[in-house]
Amino acid sequence: MAHYFEESPQAASRPASVALVLPDLHLRLETDRGVFSPERIDPGTRVLLETVPPPPAEGDLLDLGCGYGPVALTMASRAPKATVWAVDVNRRSVELCARNAKSAGLDKVRSVHVDEMPEDVRFRAIWSNPAIRIGKAALHEMLTRWLGRLTPDGSAYLVVQKHLGSDSLQRWLSDQGLPTSRLASRSAYRVLRVDARPAEILERDLQERESKER
């Protein structure tokens, strides 16, 4: 599991399956070695799915770091008219998520590698159990990239273990101009709500970029 954030896992394939059981959903999902939490639904993922509010009914939604798809498939089940983009750097995860969505009949899930995600799509909601173990610099770069693609009325929900830096991450996000609050706290996990940058901050950032380019 230490290498679940690699593009091409070196672990030999060993297909298995897990049950995703929520009050409103019961699915059997394919898993494999070399992806995140292949033997069970990760506890943090479960906390996220049991505490987030319903996703927007329509528009584009994002599961950032989809793994084999428990978050993306839950979003799609709860918002059947929305398009759910499931992205991951791990190509084995992307393939598993696509197969699980097809098996569940959730045809509005789009499972793609991070480098193949269309640049012009903006998200009304982002749900993520982010890969904290990739390191702080890489984590900050990833979150800056994707949270910057929220629509003006959009929000992201991130689940992070307290001992892996949830409180410091909350402060860092707020310092980046992303209004961040704690939605829930359970079993050493924090669920953070991150709102899109206010319009005036986006305008300031744009002006600063344009000034540097001159």
N, C-alpha and C. Protein backbone atom coordinates (compact mmCIF):
# COMPACT_ATOMS: atom_id res chain seq x y z
N MET A 1 0.81 -1.19 0.00
CA MET A 1 0.00 0.00 0.00
C MET A 1 0.85 1.25 0.00
N ALA A 2 2.13 1.14 0.40
CA ALA A 2 2.99 2.31 0.47
C ALA A 2 3.17 2.96 -0.89
N HIS A 3 2.88 2.21 -1.97
CA HIS A 3 3.10 2.73 -3.30
C HIS A 3 1.80 2.88 -4.08
N TYR A 4 0.69 3.03 -3.39
CA TYR A 4 -0.59 3.15 -4.08
C TYR A 4 -0.69 4.44 -4.88
N PHE A 5 0.21 5.41 -4.61
CA PHE A 5 0.17 6.67 -5.35
C PHE A 5 1.17 6.68 -6.51
N GLU A 6 1.71 5.51 -6.87
CA GLU A 6 2.55 5.39 -8.06
C GLU A 6 1.67 5.17 -9.29
N GLU A 7 2.16 5.60 -10.44
CA GLU A 7 1.36 5.47 -11.65
C GLU A 7 1.16 4.02 -12.05
N SER A 8 2.22 3.22 -11.98
CA SER A 8 2.14 1.81 -12.36
C SER A 8 2.61 0.95 -11.20
N PRO A 9 1.70 0.45 -10.36
CA PRO A 9 2.08 -0.33 -9.19
C PRO A 9 2.93 -1.54 -9.57
N GLN A 10 3.95 -1.80 -8.76
CA GLN A 10 4.82 -2.96 -9.01
C GLN A 10 4.28 -4.23 -8.38
N ALA A 11 3.36 -4.10 -7.45
CA ALA A 11 2.79 -5.28 -6.79
C ALA A 11 2.06 -6.16 -7.81
N ALA A 12 2.30 -7.45 -7.74
CA ALA A 12 1.61 -8.37 -8.64
C ALA A 12 0.11 -8.34 -8.36
N SER A 13 -0.66 -8.46 -9.42
CA SER A 13 -2.12 -8.41 -9.27
C SER A 13 -2.63 -9.57 -8.43
N ARG A 14 -3.55 -9.27 -7.53
CA ARG A 14 -4.23 -10.29 -6.74
C ARG A 14 -5.67 -9.81 -6.54
N PRO A 15 -6.54 -10.03 -7.51
CA PRO A 15 -7.90 -9.50 -7.45
C PRO A 15 -8.66 -9.98 -6.22
N ALA A 16 -9.46 -9.07 -5.67
CA ALA A 16 -10.31 -9.39 -4.52
C ALA A 16 -11.53 -8.48 -4.62
N SER A 17 -12.32 -8.44 -3.57
CA SER A 17 -13.47 -7.54 -3.56
C SER A 17 -13.80 -7.15 -2.13
N VAL A 18 -14.47 -6.01 -1.99
CA VAL A 18 -14.91 -5.55 -0.67
C VAL A 18 -16.35 -5.08 -0.80
N ALA A 19 -17.05 -5.04 0.33
CA ALA A 19 -18.42 -4.54 0.35
C ALA A 19 -18.43 -3.10 0.83
N LEU A 20 -19.12 -2.26 0.10
CA LEU A 20 -19.38 -0.89 0.53
C LEU A 20 -20.82 -0.84 1.02
N VAL A 21 -20.98 -0.71 2.33
CA VAL A 21 -22.31 -0.73 2.93
C VAL A 21 -22.55 0.59 3.65
N LEU A 22 -23.50 1.36 3.13
CA LEU A 22 -23.91 2.62 3.71
C LEU A 22 -25.42 2.58 3.90
N PRO A 23 -25.98 3.48 4.69
CA PRO A 23 -27.44 3.45 4.89
C PRO A 23 -28.23 3.51 3.59
N ASP A 24 -27.68 4.19 2.56
CA ASP A 24 -28.40 4.37 1.30
C ASP A 24 -27.79 3.59 0.14
N LEU A 25 -26.80 2.74 0.42
CA LEU A 25 -26.07 2.12 -0.69
C LEU A 25 -25.40 0.84 -0.24
N HIS A 26 -25.44 -0.18 -1.09
CA HIS A 26 -24.75 -1.44 -0.82
C HIS A 26 -24.18 -1.95 -2.13
N LEU A 27 -22.84 -1.93 -2.25
CA LEU A 27 -22.18 -2.34 -3.47
C LEU A 27 -21.05 -3.31 -3.17
N ARG A 28 -20.76 -4.18 -4.11
CA ARG A 28 -19.58 -5.05 -4.05
C ARG A 28 -18.58 -4.49 -5.06
N LEU A 29 -17.37 -4.13 -4.60
CA LEU A 29 -16.39 -3.47 -5.43
C LEU A 29 -15.17 -4.35 -5.64
N GLU A 30 -14.70 -4.41 -6.88
CA GLU A 30 -13.44 -5.09 -7.18
C GLU A 30 -12.27 -4.30 -6.60
N THR A 31 -11.29 -5.00 -6.07
CA THR A 31 -10.05 -4.36 -5.62
C THR A 31 -8.87 -5.17 -6.13
N ASP A 32 -7.69 -4.71 -5.80
CA ASP A 32 -6.47 -5.41 -6.22
C ASP A 32 -5.31 -4.90 -5.39
N ARG A 33 -4.22 -5.64 -5.40
CA ARG A 33 -3.00 -5.15 -4.75
C ARG A 33 -2.48 -3.93 -5.50
N GLY A 34 -1.74 -3.09 -4.78
CA GLY A 34 -1.14 -1.92 -5.41
C GLY A 34 -2.06 -0.71 -5.47
N VAL A 35 -3.27 -0.82 -4.88
CA VAL A 35 -4.17 0.32 -4.80
C VAL A 35 -4.45 0.62 -3.33
N PHE A 36 -5.08 1.74 -3.07
CA PHE A 36 -5.31 2.16 -1.70
C PHE A 36 -6.36 1.28 -1.01
N SER A 37 -6.01 0.80 0.18
CA SER A 37 -6.92 0.04 1.06
C SER A 37 -7.66 -1.07 0.30
N PRO A 38 -6.94 -2.05 -0.26
CA PRO A 38 -7.59 -3.07 -1.08
C PRO A 38 -8.37 -4.12 -0.29
N GLU A 39 -8.17 -4.20 1.02
CA GLU A 39 -8.80 -5.27 1.79
C GLU A 39 -10.07 -4.84 2.51
N ARG A 40 -10.32 -3.53 2.57
CA ARG A 40 -11.53 -3.03 3.23
C ARG A 40 -11.74 -1.58 2.83
N ILE A 41 -12.96 -1.09 3.02
CA ILE A 41 -13.19 0.34 2.83
C ILE A 41 -12.44 1.07 3.93
N ASP A 42 -11.57 1.97 3.54
CA ASP A 42 -10.75 2.71 4.51
C ASP A 42 -11.65 3.43 5.52
N PRO A 43 -11.30 3.39 6.82
CA PRO A 43 -12.13 4.05 7.83
C PRO A 43 -12.35 5.54 7.57
N GLY A 44 -11.30 6.23 7.07
CA GLY A 44 -11.47 7.64 6.76
C GLY A 44 -12.48 7.86 5.64
N THR A 45 -12.41 7.01 4.62
CA THR A 45 -13.39 7.10 3.54
C THR A 45 -14.80 6.90 4.06
N ARG A 46 -14.96 5.95 4.97
CA ARG A 46 -16.29 5.71 5.53
C ARG A 46 -16.78 6.93 6.32
N VAL A 47 -15.90 7.53 7.11
CA VAL A 47 -16.28 8.74 7.85
C VAL A 47 -16.73 9.83 6.88
N LEU A 48 -15.96 10.01 5.81
CA LEU A 48 -16.33 11.02 4.81
C LEU A 48 -17.72 10.76 4.25
N LEU A 49 -17.97 9.53 3.81
CA LEU A 49 -19.23 9.20 3.14
C LEU A 49 -20.42 9.25 4.09
N GLU A 50 -20.17 9.09 5.38
CA GLU A 50 -21.26 9.11 6.35
C GLU A 50 -21.55 10.49 6.91
N THR A 51 -20.71 11.48 6.58
CA THR A 51 -20.89 12.80 7.17
C THR A 51 -21.12 13.93 6.16
N VAL A 52 -20.70 13.75 4.91
CA VAL A 52 -20.85 14.84 3.94
C VAL A 52 -22.33 15.08 3.61
N PRO A 53 -22.68 16.32 3.29
CA PRO A 53 -24.05 16.58 2.83
C PRO A 53 -24.23 16.03 1.42
N PRO A 54 -25.47 15.93 0.95
CA PRO A 54 -25.70 15.43 -0.40
C PRO A 54 -24.96 16.28 -1.43
N PRO A 55 -24.43 15.66 -2.48
CA PRO A 55 -23.75 16.43 -3.52
C PRO A 55 -24.76 17.20 -4.35
N PRO A 56 -24.30 18.23 -5.07
CA PRO A 56 -25.20 18.92 -6.00
C PRO A 56 -25.85 17.93 -6.96
N ALA A 57 -27.11 18.17 -7.27
CA ALA A 57 -27.86 17.20 -8.08
C ALA A 57 -27.39 17.14 -9.51
N GLU A 58 -26.81 18.23 -10.01
CA GLU A 58 -26.37 18.28 -11.40
C GLU A 58 -25.02 18.96 -11.50
N GLY A 59 -24.42 18.88 -12.68
CA GLY A 59 -23.12 19.51 -12.89
C GLY A 59 -22.00 18.49 -12.83
N ASP A 60 -20.77 19.01 -12.72
CA ASP A 60 -19.58 18.16 -12.66
C ASP A 60 -19.07 18.06 -11.22
N LEU A 61 -18.85 16.83 -10.78
CA LEU A 61 -18.35 16.55 -9.44
C LEU A 61 -17.03 15.80 -9.57
N LEU A 62 -16.21 15.86 -8.53
CA LEU A 62 -14.89 15.23 -8.60
C LEU A 62 -14.60 14.38 -7.37
N ASP A 63 -14.13 13.16 -7.62
CA ASP A 63 -13.50 12.33 -6.59
C ASP A 63 -12.00 12.39 -6.86
N LEU A 64 -11.27 13.09 -6.00
CA LEU A 64 -9.83 13.28 -6.17
C LEU A 64 -9.08 12.17 -5.45
N GLY A 65 -8.38 11.32 -6.24
CA GLY A 65 -7.71 10.15 -5.67
C GLY A 65 -8.71 9.04 -5.50
N CYS A 66 -9.29 8.58 -6.61
CA CYS A 66 -10.49 7.74 -6.54
C CYS A 66 -10.25 6.32 -6.06
N GLY A 67 -8.99 5.81 -6.17
CA GLY A 67 -8.80 4.41 -5.83
C GLY A 67 -9.71 3.54 -6.69
N TYR A 68 -10.30 2.51 -6.09
CA TYR A 68 -11.19 1.64 -6.85
C TYR A 68 -12.62 2.14 -6.88
N GLY A 69 -12.88 3.33 -6.30
CA GLY A 69 -14.13 4.00 -6.59
C GLY A 69 -15.19 4.16 -5.53
N PRO A 70 -14.97 3.86 -4.24
CA PRO A 70 -16.07 3.97 -3.28
C PRO A 70 -16.65 5.38 -3.18
N VAL A 71 -15.81 6.40 -3.25
CA VAL A 71 -16.32 7.77 -3.15
C VAL A 71 -17.04 8.17 -4.43
N ALA A 72 -16.42 7.92 -5.58
CA ALA A 72 -17.04 8.30 -6.85
C ALA A 72 -18.39 7.62 -7.05
N LEU A 73 -18.47 6.33 -6.71
CA LEU A 73 -19.72 5.61 -6.92
C LEU A 73 -20.79 6.09 -5.95
N THR A 74 -20.39 6.48 -4.75
CA THR A 74 -21.37 7.03 -3.81
C THR A 74 -21.89 8.37 -4.31
N MET A 75 -20.99 9.22 -4.79
CA MET A 75 -21.43 10.51 -5.36
C MET A 75 -22.41 10.28 -6.51
N ALA A 76 -22.08 9.35 -7.40
CA ALA A 76 -22.93 9.09 -8.55
C ALA A 76 -24.28 8.52 -8.14
N SER A 77 -24.30 7.71 -7.11
CA SER A 77 -25.56 7.13 -6.63
C SER A 77 -26.45 8.20 -6.00
N ARG A 78 -25.83 9.14 -5.32
CA ARG A 78 -26.60 10.18 -4.64
C ARG A 78 -26.97 11.34 -5.56
N ALA A 79 -26.29 11.47 -6.68
CA ALA A 79 -26.58 12.54 -7.64
C ALA A 79 -26.58 11.95 -9.05
N PRO A 80 -27.61 11.17 -9.39
CA PRO A 80 -27.59 10.42 -10.65
C PRO A 80 -27.59 11.27 -11.91
N LYS A 81 -27.95 12.54 -11.81
CA LYS A 81 -27.95 13.42 -12.99
C LYS A 81 -26.60 14.13 -13.17
N ALA A 82 -25.75 14.07 -12.17
CA ALA A 82 -24.45 14.73 -12.24
C ALA A 82 -23.43 13.86 -12.97
N THR A 83 -22.40 14.50 -13.51
CA THR A 83 -21.26 13.78 -14.06
C THR A 83 -20.17 13.72 -13.00
N VAL A 84 -19.75 12.53 -12.64
CA VAL A 84 -18.75 12.36 -11.59
C VAL A 84 -17.42 11.98 -12.24
N TRP A 85 -16.44 12.84 -12.08
CA TRP A 85 -15.09 12.57 -12.56
C TRP A 85 -14.30 11.90 -11.45
N ALA A 86 -13.74 10.74 -11.74
CA ALA A 86 -12.92 10.00 -10.77
C ALA A 86 -11.49 10.00 -11.29
N VAL A 87 -10.59 10.67 -10.58
CA VAL A 87 -9.22 10.79 -11.08
C VAL A 87 -8.24 10.19 -10.09
N ASP A 88 -7.16 9.66 -10.62
CA ASP A 88 -6.11 9.07 -9.80
C ASP A 88 -4.83 9.03 -10.62
N VAL A 89 -3.69 9.06 -9.94
CA VAL A 89 -2.41 8.89 -10.63
C VAL A 89 -2.13 7.42 -10.93
N ASN A 90 -2.77 6.52 -10.17
CA ASN A 90 -2.56 5.09 -10.26
C ASN A 90 -3.48 4.50 -11.35
N ARG A 91 -2.88 4.02 -12.41
CA ARG A 91 -3.69 3.53 -13.54
C ARG A 91 -4.46 2.26 -13.20
N ARG A 92 -3.95 1.46 -12.30
CA ARG A 92 -4.70 0.27 -11.87
C ARG A 92 -5.98 0.70 -11.14
N SER A 93 -5.87 1.74 -10.34
CA SER A 93 -7.04 2.28 -9.64
C SER A 93 -8.07 2.80 -10.64
N VAL A 94 -7.60 3.55 -11.62
CA VAL A 94 -8.51 4.12 -12.62
C VAL A 94 -9.29 3.02 -13.34
N GLU A 95 -8.61 1.94 -13.69
CA GLU A 95 -9.27 0.83 -14.38
C GLU A 95 -10.28 0.14 -13.47
N LEU A 96 -9.91 -0.07 -12.22
CA LEU A 96 -10.84 -0.70 -11.28
C LEU A 96 -12.08 0.16 -11.07
N CYS A 97 -11.87 1.45 -10.89
CA CYS A 97 -13.01 2.34 -10.68
C CYS A 97 -13.96 2.30 -11.87
N ALA A 98 -13.40 2.30 -13.07
CA ALA A 98 -14.24 2.24 -14.27
C ALA A 98 -15.05 0.94 -14.31
N ARG A 99 -14.41 -0.17 -13.97
CA ARG A 99 -15.12 -1.45 -13.98
C ARG A 99 -16.20 -1.49 -12.91
N ASN A 100 -15.90 -0.95 -11.74
CA ASN A 100 -16.88 -0.96 -10.66
C ASN A 100 -18.08 -0.08 -10.99
N ALA A 101 -17.83 1.05 -11.64
CA ALA A 101 -18.94 1.92 -12.05
C ALA A 101 -19.82 1.21 -13.08
N LYS A 102 -19.19 0.52 -14.03
CA LYS A 102 -19.96 -0.20 -15.04
C LYS A 102 -20.78 -1.31 -14.40
N SER A 103 -20.19 -2.05 -13.47
CA SER A 103 -20.92 -3.13 -12.81
C SER A 103 -22.12 -2.62 -12.02
N ALA A 104 -21.96 -1.41 -11.46
CA ALA A 104 -23.04 -0.83 -10.66
C ALA A 104 -24.07 -0.09 -11.51
N GLY A 105 -23.83 -0.02 -12.81
CA GLY A 105 -24.76 0.67 -13.69
C GLY A 105 -24.72 2.18 -13.55
N LEU A 106 -23.59 2.70 -13.08
CA LEU A 106 -23.44 4.14 -12.88
C LEU A 106 -22.69 4.73 -14.07
N ASP A 107 -23.43 4.97 -15.15
CA ASP A 107 -22.79 5.32 -16.42
C ASP A 107 -22.36 6.77 -16.52
N LYS A 108 -22.59 7.57 -15.47
CA LYS A 108 -22.14 8.96 -15.51
C LYS A 108 -20.85 9.17 -14.72
N VAL A 109 -20.20 8.08 -14.34
CA VAL A 109 -18.86 8.15 -13.75
C VAL A 109 -17.84 8.15 -14.87
N ARG A 110 -16.94 9.11 -14.83
CA ARG A 110 -15.85 9.19 -15.81
C ARG A 110 -14.54 8.96 -15.07
N SER A 111 -13.97 7.79 -15.21
CA SER A 111 -12.74 7.43 -14.50
C SER A 111 -11.55 7.68 -15.41
N VAL A 112 -10.68 8.63 -15.03
CA VAL A 112 -9.57 9.03 -15.89
C VAL A 112 -8.29 9.24 -15.09
N HIS A 113 -7.17 9.06 -15.76
CA HIS A 113 -5.88 9.39 -15.15
C HIS A 113 -5.78 10.91 -14.98
N VAL A 114 -5.07 11.35 -13.95
CA VAL A 114 -5.01 12.79 -13.66
C VAL A 114 -4.53 13.60 -14.86
N ASP A 115 -3.64 13.05 -15.67
CA ASP A 115 -3.09 13.77 -16.81
C ASP A 115 -4.04 13.81 -17.99
N GLU A 116 -5.15 13.06 -17.91
CA GLU A 116 -6.10 13.00 -19.01
C GLU A 116 -7.39 13.73 -18.71
N MET A 117 -7.43 14.42 -17.56
CA MET A 117 -8.62 15.16 -17.18
C MET A 117 -8.72 16.45 -18.00
N PRO A 118 -9.85 16.69 -18.68
CA PRO A 118 -10.00 17.93 -19.45
C PRO A 118 -9.77 19.16 -18.58
N GLU A 119 -9.02 20.11 -19.11
CA GLU A 119 -8.63 21.28 -18.33
C GLU A 119 -9.77 22.27 -18.12
N ASP A 120 -10.80 22.22 -18.96
CA ASP A 120 -11.84 23.24 -18.88
C ASP A 120 -12.99 22.88 -17.95
N VAL A 121 -12.96 21.71 -17.33
CA VAL A 121 -14.05 21.29 -16.44
C VAL A 121 -13.88 21.94 -15.07
N ARG A 122 -14.97 22.48 -14.54
CA ARG A 122 -14.98 23.05 -13.19
C ARG A 122 -15.99 22.27 -12.35
N PHE A 123 -15.71 22.16 -11.07
CA PHE A 123 -16.45 21.23 -10.22
C PHE A 123 -17.32 21.95 -9.19
N ARG A 124 -18.54 21.50 -9.09
CA ARG A 124 -19.45 22.03 -8.08
C ARG A 124 -19.19 21.41 -6.71
N ALA A 125 -18.54 20.27 -6.70
CA ALA A 125 -18.17 19.62 -5.44
C ALA A 125 -16.97 18.72 -5.68
N ILE A 126 -16.10 18.66 -4.69
CA ILE A 126 -14.96 17.74 -4.68
C ILE A 126 -15.02 16.97 -3.37
N TRP A 127 -14.97 15.65 -3.45
CA TRP A 127 -14.85 14.80 -2.26
C TRP A 127 -13.52 14.06 -2.38
N SER A 128 -12.79 13.96 -1.25
CA SER A 128 -11.47 13.32 -1.35
C SER A 128 -10.99 12.80 0.00
N ASN A 129 -10.37 11.63 -0.07
CA ASN A 129 -9.53 11.13 1.01
C ASN A 129 -8.11 11.26 0.46
N PRO A 130 -7.50 12.45 0.57
CA PRO A 130 -6.27 12.72 -0.16
C PRO A 130 -5.08 11.89 0.33
N ALA A 131 -4.14 11.69 -0.58
CA ALA A 131 -2.95 10.88 -0.27
C ALA A 131 -1.96 11.71 0.54
N ILE A 132 -2.19 11.79 1.82
CA ILE A 132 -1.35 12.59 2.71
C ILE A 132 0.10 12.12 2.67
N ARG A 133 0.31 10.83 2.49
CA ARG A 133 1.66 10.26 2.58
C ARG A 133 2.54 10.57 1.37
N ILE A 134 2.03 11.29 0.39
CA ILE A 134 2.90 11.70 -0.72
C ILE A 134 3.86 12.80 -0.30
N GLY A 135 3.66 13.37 0.88
CA GLY A 135 4.53 14.44 1.36
C GLY A 135 3.85 15.79 1.28
N LYS A 136 4.24 16.69 2.17
CA LYS A 136 3.54 17.97 2.30
C LYS A 136 3.62 18.79 1.02
N ALA A 137 4.80 18.89 0.42
CA ALA A 137 4.94 19.73 -0.77
C ALA A 137 4.06 19.21 -1.91
N ALA A 138 4.09 17.90 -2.15
CA ALA A 138 3.28 17.32 -3.22
C ALA A 138 1.80 17.44 -2.91
N LEU A 139 1.44 17.26 -1.63
CA LEU A 139 0.04 17.40 -1.23
C LEU A 139 -0.45 18.81 -1.48
N HIS A 140 0.33 19.80 -1.07
CA HIS A 140 -0.07 21.20 -1.27
C HIS A 140 -0.21 21.52 -2.75
N GLU A 141 0.70 21.02 -3.55
CA GLU A 141 0.62 21.26 -5.00
C GLU A 141 -0.65 20.64 -5.59
N MET A 142 -0.95 19.41 -5.16
CA MET A 142 -2.14 18.73 -5.66
C MET A 142 -3.41 19.47 -5.26
N LEU A 143 -3.51 19.86 -4.01
CA LEU A 143 -4.72 20.55 -3.55
C LEU A 143 -4.87 21.91 -4.20
N THR A 144 -3.77 22.64 -4.36
CA THR A 144 -3.83 23.93 -5.03
C THR A 144 -4.36 23.77 -6.46
N ARG A 145 -3.87 22.74 -7.14
CA ARG A 145 -4.28 22.50 -8.52
C ARG A 145 -5.77 22.21 -8.63
N TRP A 146 -6.28 21.33 -7.80
CA TRP A 146 -7.65 20.87 -7.98
C TRP A 146 -8.67 21.75 -7.27
N LEU A 147 -8.35 22.27 -6.10
CA LEU A 147 -9.29 23.15 -5.41
C LEU A 147 -9.48 24.44 -6.19
N GLY A 148 -8.48 24.81 -6.97
CA GLY A 148 -8.61 25.99 -7.82
C GLY A 148 -9.61 25.81 -8.95
N ARG A 149 -10.12 24.61 -9.13
CA ARG A 149 -11.08 24.33 -10.19
C ARG A 149 -12.51 24.20 -9.67
N LEU A 150 -12.72 24.60 -8.41
CA LEU A 150 -14.08 24.68 -7.90
C LEU A 150 -14.83 25.82 -8.59
N THR A 151 -16.12 25.63 -8.83
CA THR A 151 -16.96 26.73 -9.28
C THR A 151 -17.11 27.74 -8.15
N PRO A 152 -17.51 28.97 -8.45
CA PRO A 152 -17.62 29.98 -7.38
C PRO A 152 -18.50 29.55 -6.21
N ASP A 153 -19.51 28.73 -6.49
CA ASP A 153 -20.39 28.26 -5.41
C ASP A 153 -20.01 26.85 -4.93
N GLY A 154 -18.86 26.36 -5.36
CA GLY A 154 -18.47 24.98 -5.06
C GLY A 154 -17.79 24.82 -3.72
N SER A 155 -17.80 23.58 -3.22
CA SER A 155 -17.13 23.23 -1.97
C SER A 155 -16.47 21.87 -2.10
N ALA A 156 -15.38 21.71 -1.37
CA ALA A 156 -14.69 20.42 -1.31
C ALA A 156 -14.79 19.88 0.11
N TYR A 157 -14.79 18.56 0.22
CA TYR A 157 -14.81 17.89 1.51
C TYR A 157 -13.65 16.90 1.55
N LEU A 158 -12.74 17.12 2.48
CA LEU A 158 -11.53 16.32 2.61
C LEU A 158 -11.53 15.62 3.96
N VAL A 159 -11.18 14.34 3.97
CA VAL A 159 -11.04 13.63 5.25
C VAL A 159 -9.56 13.39 5.50
N VAL A 160 -9.11 13.75 6.71
CA VAL A 160 -7.69 13.65 7.06
C VAL A 160 -7.58 13.20 8.52
N GLN A 161 -6.66 12.28 8.78
CA GLN A 161 -6.43 11.86 10.16
C GLN A 161 -5.81 13.00 10.97
N LYS A 162 -6.21 13.10 12.22
CA LYS A 162 -5.67 14.17 13.06
C LYS A 162 -4.16 14.05 13.20
N HIS A 163 -3.65 12.83 13.42
CA HIS A 163 -2.21 12.67 13.66
C HIS A 163 -1.39 12.81 12.37
N LEU A 164 -2.07 12.89 11.23
CA LEU A 164 -1.37 13.13 9.96
C LEU A 164 -1.48 14.59 9.52
N GLY A 165 -1.97 15.44 10.43
CA GLY A 165 -1.89 16.87 10.16
C GLY A 165 -3.16 17.55 9.70
N SER A 166 -4.32 17.05 10.12
CA SER A 166 -5.57 17.67 9.67
C SER A 166 -5.68 19.12 10.11
N ASP A 167 -5.27 19.41 11.35
CA ASP A 167 -5.42 20.77 11.86
C ASP A 167 -4.46 21.74 11.17
N SER A 168 -3.22 21.30 10.92
CA SER A 168 -2.28 22.17 10.21
C SER A 168 -2.71 22.35 8.76
N LEU A 169 -3.29 21.32 8.16
CA LEU A 169 -3.78 21.45 6.79
C LEU A 169 -4.93 22.45 6.72
N GLN A 170 -5.80 22.43 7.71
CA GLN A 170 -6.90 23.39 7.76
C GLN A 170 -6.36 24.82 7.80
N ARG A 171 -5.33 25.05 8.63
CA ARG A 171 -4.75 26.39 8.71
C ARG A 171 -4.10 26.78 7.39
N TRP A 172 -3.38 25.84 6.77
CA TRP A 172 -2.71 26.15 5.51
C TRP A 172 -3.71 26.51 4.42
N LEU A 173 -4.79 25.76 4.32
CA LEU A 173 -5.81 26.04 3.31
C LEU A 173 -6.41 27.43 3.52
N SER A 174 -6.69 27.75 4.77
CA SER A 174 -7.24 29.08 5.06
C SER A 174 -6.26 30.17 4.68
N ASP A 175 -4.97 29.92 4.92
CA ASP A 175 -3.94 30.90 4.58
C ASP A 175 -3.83 31.10 3.07
N GLN A 176 -4.27 30.10 2.29
CA GLN A 176 -4.23 30.22 0.83
C GLN A 176 -5.46 30.95 0.28
N GLY A 177 -6.28 31.45 1.17
CA GLY A 177 -7.49 32.15 0.74
C GLY A 177 -8.66 31.24 0.47
N LEU A 178 -8.57 29.99 0.92
CA LEU A 178 -9.65 29.02 0.76
C LEU A 178 -10.36 28.87 2.10
N PRO A 179 -11.54 29.45 2.26
CA PRO A 179 -12.26 29.34 3.54
C PRO A 179 -12.45 27.88 3.93
N THR A 180 -11.91 27.49 5.08
CA THR A 180 -11.91 26.08 5.49
C THR A 180 -12.43 25.96 6.90
N SER A 181 -13.33 25.01 7.11
CA SER A 181 -13.90 24.75 8.43
C SER A 181 -13.98 23.25 8.66
N ARG A 182 -14.13 22.87 9.92
CA ARG A 182 -14.26 21.46 10.25
C ARG A 182 -15.73 21.07 10.25
N LEU A 183 -16.08 20.15 9.36
CA LEU A 183 -17.46 19.69 9.27
C LEU A 183 -17.77 18.63 10.32
N ALA A 184 -16.80 17.71 10.54
CA ALA A 184 -17.06 16.59 11.45
C ALA A 184 -15.74 16.10 12.03
N SER A 185 -15.85 15.42 13.16
CA SER A 185 -14.70 14.81 13.81
C SER A 185 -15.15 13.48 14.39
N ARG A 186 -14.48 12.40 13.94
CA ARG A 186 -14.88 11.08 14.41
C ARG A 186 -13.70 10.12 14.31
N SER A 187 -13.46 9.38 15.37
CA SER A 187 -12.45 8.32 15.37
C SER A 187 -11.10 8.80 14.86
N ALA A 188 -10.67 9.94 15.34
CA ALA A 188 -9.38 10.53 15.00
C ALA A 188 -9.32 11.08 13.58
N TYR A 189 -10.45 11.13 12.89
CA TYR A 189 -10.51 11.72 11.56
C TYR A 189 -11.22 13.07 11.62
N ARG A 190 -10.79 13.97 10.75
CA ARG A 190 -11.45 15.25 10.59
C ARG A 190 -11.97 15.34 9.16
N VAL A 191 -13.17 15.82 9.00
CA VAL A 191 -13.69 16.12 7.68
C VAL A 191 -13.71 17.64 7.54
N LEU A 192 -12.94 18.13 6.58
CA LEU A 192 -12.81 19.57 6.35
C LEU A 192 -13.66 19.99 5.17
N ARG A 193 -14.37 21.10 5.34
CA ARG A 193 -15.08 21.72 4.22
C ARG A 193 -14.24 22.88 3.72
N VAL A 194 -13.98 22.89 2.42
CA VAL A 194 -13.17 23.95 1.80
C VAL A 194 -14.01 24.61 0.73
N ASP A 195 -14.26 25.90 0.87
CA ASP A 195 -15.05 26.63 -0.11
C ASP A 195 -14.14 27.28 -1.15
N ALA A 196 -14.71 27.57 -2.30
CA ALA A 196 -13.95 28.23 -3.37
C ALA A 196 -13.44 29.58 -2.89
N ARG A 197 -12.33 30.00 -3.47
CA ARG A 197 -11.79 31.32 -3.15
C ARG A 197 -12.80 32.40 -3.49
N PRO A 198 -12.97 33.40 -2.63
CA PRO A 198 -13.85 34.52 -2.97
C PRO A 198 -13.39 35.20 -4.26
N ALA A 199 -14.31 35.79 -4.97
CA ALA A 199 -14.02 36.37 -6.28
C ALA A 199 -12.92 37.41 -6.23
N GLU A 200 -12.89 38.20 -5.14
CA GLU A 200 -11.88 39.26 -5.07
C GLU A 200 -10.48 38.68 -4.94
N ILE A 201 -10.33 37.53 -4.31
CA ILE A 201 -9.01 36.90 -4.19
C ILE A 201 -8.59 36.32 -5.54
N LEU A 202 -9.54 35.71 -6.24
CA LEU A 202 -9.24 35.19 -7.57
C LEU A 202 -8.79 36.31 -8.50
N GLU A 203 -9.45 37.45 -8.42
CA GLU A 203 -9.08 38.59 -9.26
C GLU A 203 -7.69 39.10 -8.90
N ARG A 204 -7.38 39.14 -7.61
CA ARG A 204 -6.05 39.58 -7.18
C ARG A 204 -4.98 38.65 -7.69
N ASP A 205 -5.22 37.32 -7.58
CA ASP A 205 -4.24 36.34 -8.05
C ASP A 205 -4.01 36.48 -9.55
N LEU A 206 -5.09 36.72 -10.30
CA LEU A 206 -4.97 36.88 -11.74
C LEU A 206 -4.13 38.11 -12.08
N GLN A 207 -4.37 39.19 -11.36
CA GLN A 207 -3.60 40.41 -11.61
C GLN A 207 -2.12 40.20 -11.29
N GLU A 208 -1.84 39.47 -10.22
CA GLU A 208 -0.44 39.21 -9.85
C GLU A 208 0.25 38.37 -10.92
N ARG A 209 -0.44 37.35 -11.44
CA ARG A 209 0.14 36.51 -12.49
C ARG A 209 0.42 37.33 -13.75
N GLU A 210 -0.55 38.16 -14.12
CA GLU A 210 -0.39 38.98 -15.32
C GLU A 210 0.77 39.97 -15.15
N SER A 211 0.94 40.50 -13.93
CA SER A 211 2.02 41.44 -13.67
C SER A 211 3.39 40.76 -13.81
N LYS A 212 3.49 39.52 -13.34
CA LYS A 212 4.75 38.78 -13.43
C LYS A 212 5.10 38.42 -14.86
N GLU A 213 4.07 38.25 -15.69
CA GLU A 213 4.30 37.85 -17.07
C GLU A 213 4.72 39.01 -17.97
N ARG A 214 4.49 40.24 -17.49
CA ARG A 214 4.86 41.41 -18.29
C ARG A 214 6.36 41.63 -18.31
